[in-house]
């Protein structure tokens, strides 16, 4: 089975982090989201993957090309980012030789176990196609799935109703490619893959709906969800342990409380504390008596003496001035833009 991964979006909701890298390249517990998706596909036996690219495509190509050399990757350029249906249509030629294929959004977290459960459900039920729903606290920003006896009736796009939400993981029949080419734009001017699924369901196709608990599922498109994803996967992988990528350097009386990852080449000054769940990227410079808690600090950041961060995302190359106290509950978006210098108290 071939797979297609959508990695072309602009990432508007998580700006300014997405000003310098696309959402699929954001690290969750130290691993870029798109590599987590490829790990799950690899574990399921998939070796041929088409990746839809547009925004900052050269960075996606460089990362995947370097770190997924065992997979047969085809990069497929989407001329304009006009929605998920338009993205799939761009892969029509690539998928022309298969009867069915996997589709995964490149900005969601996915585990091998969850993907295996969907594939087993699809095969055992002999469905025309299948999709995975997940149970989350709020479906306000996501498509709500309506199904009867595990068969799709309709996906209500961002309806704000209760029910399992569309995870963005599908097994689809080849006829889907013809359907997406005939779609009309949605009210927001995009061609939606969910509209194609609704059309197939209305025409009598048996689109199976597998609903998973979804504790592993996060859309990293917003700062709160990104922080939650990082916390979940750090705890899942490390428990209460600390992972140090050597070489890294610790000053006198440095305290580390897991789960946390400290990146390669990072220096932490004396008397400083890192409390998990936290991720500290490569080549970060942390001064003396700094406190970092439940935060994400990307590469090449400088944090001066006496600063304090709680539930904050710091973009790469940023500089946090001495004595600054940043609390995610008080900061809009909880995000410090890449390459920003903060020198005033907030």
Protein backbone atom coordinates (compact mmCIF):
# COMPACT_ATOMS: atom_id res chain seq x y z
CA UNK A 1 0.00 0.00 0.00
CA UNK A 2 1.21 3.48 -0.85
CA UNK A 3 0.65 6.43 1.47
CA UNK A 4 0.25 10.17 0.97
CA UNK A 5 1.21 12.67 3.67
CA UNK A 6 -0.07 16.24 3.51
CA UNK A 7 2.72 18.69 4.41
CA UNK A 8 1.92 21.78 2.33
CA UNK A 9 -0.07 23.97 4.74
CA UNK A 10 0.86 27.46 5.91
CA UNK A 11 0.35 26.86 9.64
CA UNK A 12 -1.43 30.16 10.25
CA UNK A 13 -2.72 29.26 13.72
CA UNK A 14 0.72 28.54 15.14
CA UNK A 15 2.49 31.62 13.83
CA UNK A 16 5.08 32.94 14.49
CA UNK A 17 6.68 29.50 14.89
CA UNK A 18 5.58 28.62 11.35
CA UNK A 19 7.27 31.71 9.92
CA UNK A 20 10.55 29.78 9.84
CA UNK A 21 9.43 26.14 9.56
CA UNK A 22 6.28 24.36 8.48
CA UNK A 23 4.08 22.66 11.09
CA UNK A 24 5.18 19.11 10.19
CA UNK A 25 8.76 20.05 11.12
CA UNK A 26 7.93 21.11 14.68
CA UNK A 27 9.56 18.71 17.16
CA UNK A 28 7.34 16.84 19.60
CA UNK A 29 9.40 15.32 22.41
CA UNK A 30 12.41 15.98 20.20
CA UNK A 31 11.11 14.31 17.03
CA UNK A 32 9.62 16.30 14.12
CA UNK A 33 5.93 15.49 13.65
CA UNK A 34 6.36 14.33 10.05
CA UNK A 35 8.99 11.80 11.14
CA UNK A 36 6.54 10.45 13.73
CA UNK A 37 4.03 9.94 10.90
CA UNK A 38 6.65 8.22 8.74
CA UNK A 39 7.64 6.01 11.69
CA UNK A 40 4.03 4.79 11.96
CA UNK A 41 3.80 4.15 8.21
CA UNK A 42 7.12 2.29 8.22
CA UNK A 43 5.97 0.12 11.14
CA UNK A 44 2.82 -0.76 9.16
CA UNK A 45 4.93 -2.02 6.27
CA UNK A 46 4.50 0.99 4.00
CA UNK A 47 7.60 1.77 1.97
CA UNK A 48 6.29 4.12 -0.75
CA UNK A 49 5.20 7.54 0.48
CA UNK A 50 4.18 10.62 -1.47
CA UNK A 51 4.60 13.87 0.48
CA UNK A 52 2.55 16.87 -0.65
CA UNK A 53 4.63 20.04 -0.29
CA UNK A 54 4.33 23.76 -0.93
CA UNK A 55 5.15 26.12 1.97
CA UNK A 56 8.86 26.05 2.92
CA UNK A 57 9.10 22.91 0.82
CA UNK A 58 12.90 22.92 0.68
CA UNK A 59 13.06 22.45 4.46
CA UNK A 60 10.63 19.53 4.35
CA UNK A 61 12.60 17.91 1.55
CA UNK A 62 15.91 18.38 3.35
CA UNK A 63 14.73 16.89 6.65
CA UNK A 64 12.87 13.93 5.17
CA UNK A 65 15.59 13.27 2.62
CA UNK A 66 18.20 13.09 5.36
CA UNK A 67 16.25 11.12 7.98
CA UNK A 68 13.98 8.75 6.02
CA UNK A 69 16.43 7.31 3.52
CA UNK A 70 15.00 3.79 3.90
CA UNK A 71 11.65 4.87 2.44
CA UNK A 72 10.84 5.44 -1.23
CA UNK A 73 9.78 9.08 -0.96
CA UNK A 74 8.17 11.07 -3.77
CA UNK A 75 7.76 14.80 -3.19
CA UNK A 76 4.66 16.14 -4.92
CA UNK A 77 4.28 19.90 -5.28
CA UNK A 78 0.81 21.38 -4.69
CA UNK A 79 0.76 24.53 -6.81
CA UNK A 80 -1.63 26.37 -4.47
CA UNK A 81 -2.70 25.42 -0.96
CA UNK A 82 -6.39 25.06 -1.77
CA UNK A 83 -7.38 22.41 0.73
CA UNK A 84 -7.00 18.71 1.45
CA UNK A 85 -9.08 17.60 -1.54
CA UNK A 86 -6.90 19.69 -3.83
CA UNK A 87 -3.80 18.21 -2.16
CA UNK A 88 -4.98 14.66 -2.83
CA UNK A 89 -5.81 15.51 -6.44
CA UNK A 90 -2.19 16.60 -6.87
CA UNK A 91 -1.17 13.00 -6.03
CA UNK A 92 -3.42 11.41 -8.69
CA UNK A 93 -0.60 10.35 -10.98
CA UNK A 94 1.43 8.97 -8.08
CA UNK A 95 -1.54 6.85 -6.92
CA UNK A 96 -2.71 5.75 -10.37
CA UNK A 97 -1.36 2.20 -9.97
CA UNK A 98 -2.97 1.25 -6.62
CA UNK A 99 -6.44 0.08 -5.63
CA UNK A 100 -6.37 1.78 -2.24
CA UNK A 101 -3.98 3.99 -0.29
CA UNK A 102 -3.34 5.61 3.07
CA UNK A 103 -3.68 9.34 3.68
CA UNK A 104 -2.28 11.05 6.80
CA UNK A 105 -2.20 14.74 7.66
CA UNK A 106 1.41 15.70 8.33
CA UNK A 107 0.68 17.99 11.28
CA UNK A 108 -0.91 15.44 13.62
CA UNK A 109 0.74 13.01 16.00
CA UNK A 110 0.32 9.34 15.13
CA UNK A 111 1.49 6.13 16.78
CA UNK A 112 2.25 2.81 15.07
CA UNK A 113 -0.26 1.04 17.33
CA UNK A 114 -3.11 3.35 16.36
CA UNK A 115 -2.39 2.98 12.65
CA UNK A 116 -2.25 -0.80 13.00
CA UNK A 117 -5.67 -0.77 14.68
CA UNK A 118 -7.16 1.18 11.77
CA UNK A 119 -5.65 -1.17 9.18
CA UNK A 120 -6.94 -4.25 11.00
CA UNK A 121 -10.40 -2.70 11.30
CA UNK A 122 -10.41 -1.90 7.57
CA UNK A 123 -9.32 -5.35 6.49
CA UNK A 124 -11.56 -7.31 8.82
CA UNK A 125 -14.64 -5.27 7.85
CA UNK A 126 -13.88 -5.36 4.11
CA UNK A 127 -14.90 -1.73 3.79
CA UNK A 128 -14.61 0.33 0.60
CA UNK A 129 -12.60 2.81 2.62
CA UNK A 130 -12.02 3.65 6.29
CA UNK A 131 -11.23 6.61 8.47
CA UNK A 132 -10.15 6.99 12.07
CA UNK A 133 -12.14 9.05 14.54
CA UNK A 134 -10.74 10.05 17.91
CA UNK A 135 -12.42 11.14 21.10
CA UNK A 136 -11.19 14.51 22.33
CA UNK A 137 -12.49 17.00 24.87
CA UNK A 138 -13.73 19.50 22.30
CA UNK A 139 -14.66 19.10 18.66
CA UNK A 140 -15.09 22.80 18.04
CA UNK A 141 -12.21 23.10 15.56
CA UNK A 142 -12.49 19.64 14.05
CA UNK A 143 -14.83 17.73 11.79
CA UNK A 144 -17.41 15.71 13.73
CA UNK A 145 -18.13 12.19 12.49
CA UNK A 146 -21.66 10.85 12.25
CA UNK A 147 -21.81 7.07 11.73
CA UNK A 148 -24.24 4.17 12.07
CA UNK A 149 -23.04 0.61 12.71
CA UNK A 150 -19.46 1.75 12.00
CA UNK A 151 -20.44 3.11 8.56
CA UNK A 152 -19.94 6.79 7.76
CA UNK A 153 -23.07 8.87 7.36
CA UNK A 154 -21.49 12.33 7.26
CA UNK A 155 -18.59 14.45 8.47
CA UNK A 156 -19.72 17.81 9.81
CA UNK A 157 -16.81 20.18 9.20
CA UNK A 158 -15.87 22.20 12.30
CA UNK A 159 -19.45 22.01 13.56
CA UNK A 160 -18.70 22.46 17.25
CA UNK A 161 -20.93 19.50 18.12
CA UNK A 162 -20.12 16.54 20.34
CA UNK A 163 -18.89 13.21 19.02
CA UNK A 164 -15.71 11.64 17.68
CA UNK A 165 -13.64 13.98 15.52
CA UNK A 166 -11.95 13.31 12.23
CA UNK A 167 -8.30 12.46 12.98
CA UNK A 168 -6.95 13.00 9.46
CA UNK A 169 -5.98 9.33 8.99
CA UNK A 170 -7.67 7.44 6.14
CA UNK A 171 -7.55 4.33 3.98
CA UNK A 172 -9.25 5.31 0.72
CA UNK A 173 -10.24 3.57 -2.54
CA UNK A 174 -8.84 4.74 -5.86
CA UNK A 175 -12.21 6.19 -6.89
CA UNK A 176 -11.63 8.95 -4.32
CA UNK A 177 -9.23 10.53 -6.81
CA UNK A 178 -12.05 11.03 -9.34
CA UNK A 179 -14.35 12.43 -6.65
CA UNK A 180 -11.87 15.06 -5.40
CA UNK A 181 -11.34 16.30 -8.97
CA UNK A 182 -15.07 17.06 -9.24
CA UNK A 183 -15.39 18.94 -5.94
CA UNK A 184 -16.69 22.48 -5.66
CA UNK A 185 -15.03 24.97 -3.30
CA UNK A 186 -16.25 25.01 0.29
CA UNK A 187 -17.49 28.26 1.90
CA UNK A 188 -13.88 29.04 2.84
CA UNK A 189 -12.79 28.64 -0.79
CA UNK A 190 -11.02 25.29 -0.42
CA UNK A 191 -11.56 21.82 -1.86
CA UNK A 192 -12.19 19.55 1.12
CA UNK A 193 -11.36 15.85 1.29
CA UNK A 194 -14.19 15.48 3.80
CA UNK A 195 -16.64 16.62 1.10
CA UNK A 196 -15.42 13.78 -1.09
CA UNK A 197 -15.99 11.29 1.73
CA UNK A 198 -19.50 12.64 2.24
CA UNK A 199 -20.23 12.23 -1.47
CA UNK A 200 -19.05 8.62 -1.41
CA UNK A 201 -21.06 7.88 1.73
CA UNK A 202 -24.20 9.36 0.15
CA UNK A 203 -23.66 7.23 -2.96
CA UNK A 204 -23.71 4.04 -0.87
CA UNK A 205 -20.01 3.36 -0.48
CA UNK A 206 -19.20 1.58 2.79
CA UNK A 207 -16.74 3.95 4.45
CA UNK A 208 -15.86 2.35 7.77
CA UNK A 209 -15.41 4.48 10.89
CA UNK A 210 -12.97 3.23 13.50
CA UNK A 211 -13.07 5.28 16.70
CA UNK A 212 -9.94 5.25 18.86
CA UNK A 213 -9.51 6.63 22.36
CA UNK A 214 -7.24 9.30 20.89
CA UNK A 215 -5.09 10.04 23.95
CA UNK A 216 -2.12 9.98 21.54
CA UNK A 217 -3.70 12.34 19.00
CA UNK A 218 -2.81 16.03 18.84
CA UNK A 219 -3.13 18.61 16.10
CA UNK A 220 0.02 20.70 16.59
CA UNK A 221 -1.56 23.65 14.81
CA UNK A 222 -2.01 25.75 17.96
CA UNK A 223 0.35 26.57 20.86
CA UNK A 224 -1.79 24.93 23.60
CA UNK A 225 -2.13 21.71 21.61
CA UNK A 226 1.58 21.77 20.77
CA UNK A 227 2.49 22.02 24.45
CA UNK A 228 0.05 19.21 25.30
CA UNK A 229 1.51 16.97 22.59
CA UNK A 230 5.02 17.57 23.88
CA UNK A 231 3.97 16.75 27.45
CA UNK A 232 2.16 13.57 26.44
CA UNK A 233 4.96 12.11 24.32
CA UNK A 234 7.72 13.09 26.72
CA UNK A 235 5.88 11.23 29.49
CA UNK A 236 5.08 8.31 27.18
CA UNK A 237 8.72 7.89 26.17
CA UNK A 238 10.60 8.83 29.32
CA UNK A 239 8.25 8.46 32.28
CA UNK A 240 10.02 10.60 34.86
CA UNK A 241 13.49 10.21 33.33
CA UNK A 242 15.83 12.77 31.79
CA UNK A 243 17.42 12.32 28.36
CA UNK A 244 20.73 14.11 27.73
CA UNK A 245 22.10 14.31 24.19
CA UNK A 246 25.84 14.42 24.61
CA UNK A 247 27.81 16.54 24.69
CA UNK A 248 25.89 18.90 26.95
CA UNK A 249 27.12 20.86 29.92
CA UNK A 250 25.69 21.32 33.41
CA UNK A 251 26.83 23.91 35.93
CA UNK A 252 27.11 23.41 39.68
CA UNK A 253 23.85 22.62 41.51
CA UNK A 254 21.87 22.25 38.28
CA UNK A 255 18.60 20.38 38.87
CA UNK A 256 16.73 18.34 36.24
CA UNK A 257 13.31 16.80 36.92
CA UNK A 258 11.88 14.64 34.17
CA UNK A 259 10.44 14.00 31.83
CA UNK A 260 12.71 16.27 29.86
CA UNK A 261 15.13 16.20 26.95
CA UNK A 262 18.27 18.32 26.92
CA UNK A 263 19.69 18.80 23.43
CA UNK A 264 23.18 18.34 22.09
CA UNK A 265 25.59 21.15 22.77
CA UNK A 266 23.31 22.82 25.31
CA UNK A 267 24.80 24.55 28.35
CA UNK A 268 22.91 25.08 31.61
CA UNK A 269 24.37 27.45 34.17
CA UNK A 270 24.85 26.84 37.86
CA UNK A 271 21.81 26.86 40.11
CA UNK A 272 19.36 26.48 37.22
CA UNK A 273 16.38 24.11 37.19
CA UNK A 274 14.55 22.36 34.35
CA UNK A 275 11.24 20.76 35.32
CA UNK A 276 9.36 18.45 33.00
CA UNK A 277 7.60 17.95 30.84
CA UNK A 278 10.10 20.15 28.99
CA UNK A 279 12.08 19.95 25.77
CA UNK A 280 15.32 21.92 25.40
CA UNK A 281 16.73 21.87 21.87
CA UNK A 282 20.31 21.79 20.60
CA UNK A 283 22.87 24.50 21.30
CA UNK A 284 20.75 26.36 23.84
CA UNK A 285 22.56 28.66 26.29
CA UNK A 286 20.89 28.86 29.71
CA UNK A 287 22.39 31.17 32.31
CA UNK A 288 22.61 30.83 36.07
CA UNK A 289 19.60 30.51 38.37
CA UNK A 290 17.14 30.06 35.51
CA UNK A 291 13.90 28.10 35.99
CA UNK A 292 12.22 26.36 33.03
CA UNK A 293 9.02 24.38 33.59
CA UNK A 294 6.62 22.62 31.19
CA UNK A 295 8.07 24.47 28.21
CA UNK A 296 9.48 23.98 24.72
CA UNK A 297 12.76 25.76 23.95
CA UNK A 298 13.88 25.30 20.36
CA UNK A 299 17.47 25.33 19.12
CA UNK A 300 20.01 28.15 19.48
CA UNK A 301 18.05 30.04 22.15
CA UNK A 302 19.83 32.16 24.76
CA UNK A 303 18.27 32.58 28.22
CA UNK A 304 20.05 34.98 30.52
CA UNK A 305 20.58 34.71 34.29
CA UNK A 306 17.57 34.62 36.58
CA UNK A 307 14.91 34.23 33.89
CA UNK A 308 11.85 32.05 34.51
CA UNK A 309 9.67 30.27 31.92
CA UNK A 310 6.50 28.32 32.61
CA UNK A 311 4.34 26.77 29.84
CA UNK A 312 6.07 28.83 27.16
CA UNK A 313 7.22 27.97 23.62
CA UNK A 314 10.44 29.74 22.61
CA UNK A 315 11.21 29.87 18.90
CA UNK A 316 14.70 29.11 17.62
CA UNK A 317 17.35 31.78 17.98
CA UNK A 318 15.36 33.87 20.47
CA UNK A 319 17.06 35.68 23.34
CA UNK A 320 15.35 35.97 26.74
CA UNK A 321 16.80 38.75 28.89
CA UNK A 322 18.00 38.46 32.48
CA UNK A 323 15.33 38.24 35.15
CA UNK A 324 12.37 37.98 32.77
CA UNK A 325 9.47 35.94 34.12
CA UNK A 326 7.28 34.46 31.38
CA UNK A 327 4.13 32.55 32.27
CA UNK A 328 2.04 30.86 29.58
CA UNK A 329 -1.16 31.62 31.43
CA UNK A 330 -0.44 35.33 31.03
CA UNK A 331 1.02 35.46 27.51
CA UNK A 332 -1.20 35.46 24.41
CA UNK A 333 -0.38 32.31 22.42
CA UNK A 334 2.37 31.39 24.95
CA UNK A 335 4.92 31.79 22.14
CA UNK A 336 8.13 33.77 21.72
CA UNK A 337 8.84 34.38 18.03
CA UNK A 338 12.01 32.94 16.49
CA UNK A 339 15.03 35.26 16.60
CA UNK A 340 13.25 37.72 18.91
CA UNK A 341 15.11 39.49 21.70
CA UNK A 342 13.17 40.19 24.91
CA UNK A 343 14.88 42.52 27.31
CA UNK A 344 11.97 44.16 29.20
CA UNK A 345 10.00 42.67 32.03
CA UNK A 346 6.60 41.20 31.09
